[in-house]
Amino acid sequence: MLFAHQGLGVEIFSPLGILILVIGVTFTVGLPVAMIKFGKKD
């Protein structure tokens, strides 16, 4: 965690932390899956 030692971290179980986590998982998992699924077929 980049900001954890500076005291700027987000509490992971707060609504904001969960929201950030969900967005992060959506981008890291959903984006490649969507690109594979809806990508151009040669």
Protein backbone atom coordinates (compact mmCIF):
# COMPACT_ATOMS: atom_id res chain seq x y z
CA MET A 1 0.00 0.00 0.00
CA LEU A 2 1.49 3.27 -1.12
CA PHE A 3 -0.20 5.68 1.28
CA ALA A 4 -0.59 3.39 4.30
CA HIS A 5 2.54 4.61 6.09
CA GLN A 6 1.61 8.27 5.52
CA GLY A 7 -1.71 8.03 7.35
CA LEU A 8 -3.70 8.72 4.18
CA GLY A 9 -5.08 5.20 3.82
CA VAL A 10 -8.77 4.35 3.58
CA GLU A 11 -10.31 2.06 6.20
CA ILE A 12 -10.91 -1.14 4.22
CA PHE A 13 -14.22 -2.03 5.92
CA SER A 14 -15.74 1.44 5.62
CA PRO A 15 -18.29 1.98 2.81
CA LEU A 16 -15.69 3.97 0.88
CA GLY A 17 -13.09 1.22 1.24
CA ILE A 18 -15.53 -1.43 0.06
CA LEU A 19 -16.53 0.79 -2.88
CA ILE A 20 -12.88 1.27 -3.89
CA LEU A 21 -12.29 -2.47 -3.53
CA VAL A 22 -15.29 -3.33 -5.72
CA ILE A 23 -14.24 -0.80 -8.38
CA GLY A 24 -10.70 -2.17 -8.32
CA VAL A 25 -11.84 -5.78 -8.70
CA THR A 26 -14.27 -4.78 -11.44
CA PHE A 27 -11.50 -3.13 -13.45
CA THR A 28 -8.86 -5.83 -12.88
CA VAL A 29 -11.22 -8.75 -13.61
CA GLY A 30 -14.09 -7.31 -15.63
CA LEU A 31 -12.08 -5.31 -18.12
CA PRO A 32 -9.93 -8.18 -19.49
CA VAL A 33 -12.98 -10.48 -19.57
CA ALA A 34 -14.99 -7.86 -21.45
CA MET A 35 -12.11 -7.28 -23.89
CA ILE A 36 -11.84 -11.02 -24.56
CA LYS A 37 -15.58 -11.48 -24.84
CA PHE A 38 -16.40 -8.45 -26.98
CA GLY A 39 -13.05 -8.07 -28.74
CA LYS A 40 -12.60 -8.01 -32.49
CA LYS A 41 -12.52 -11.44 -34.06
CA ASP A 42 -10.13 -11.69 -36.97
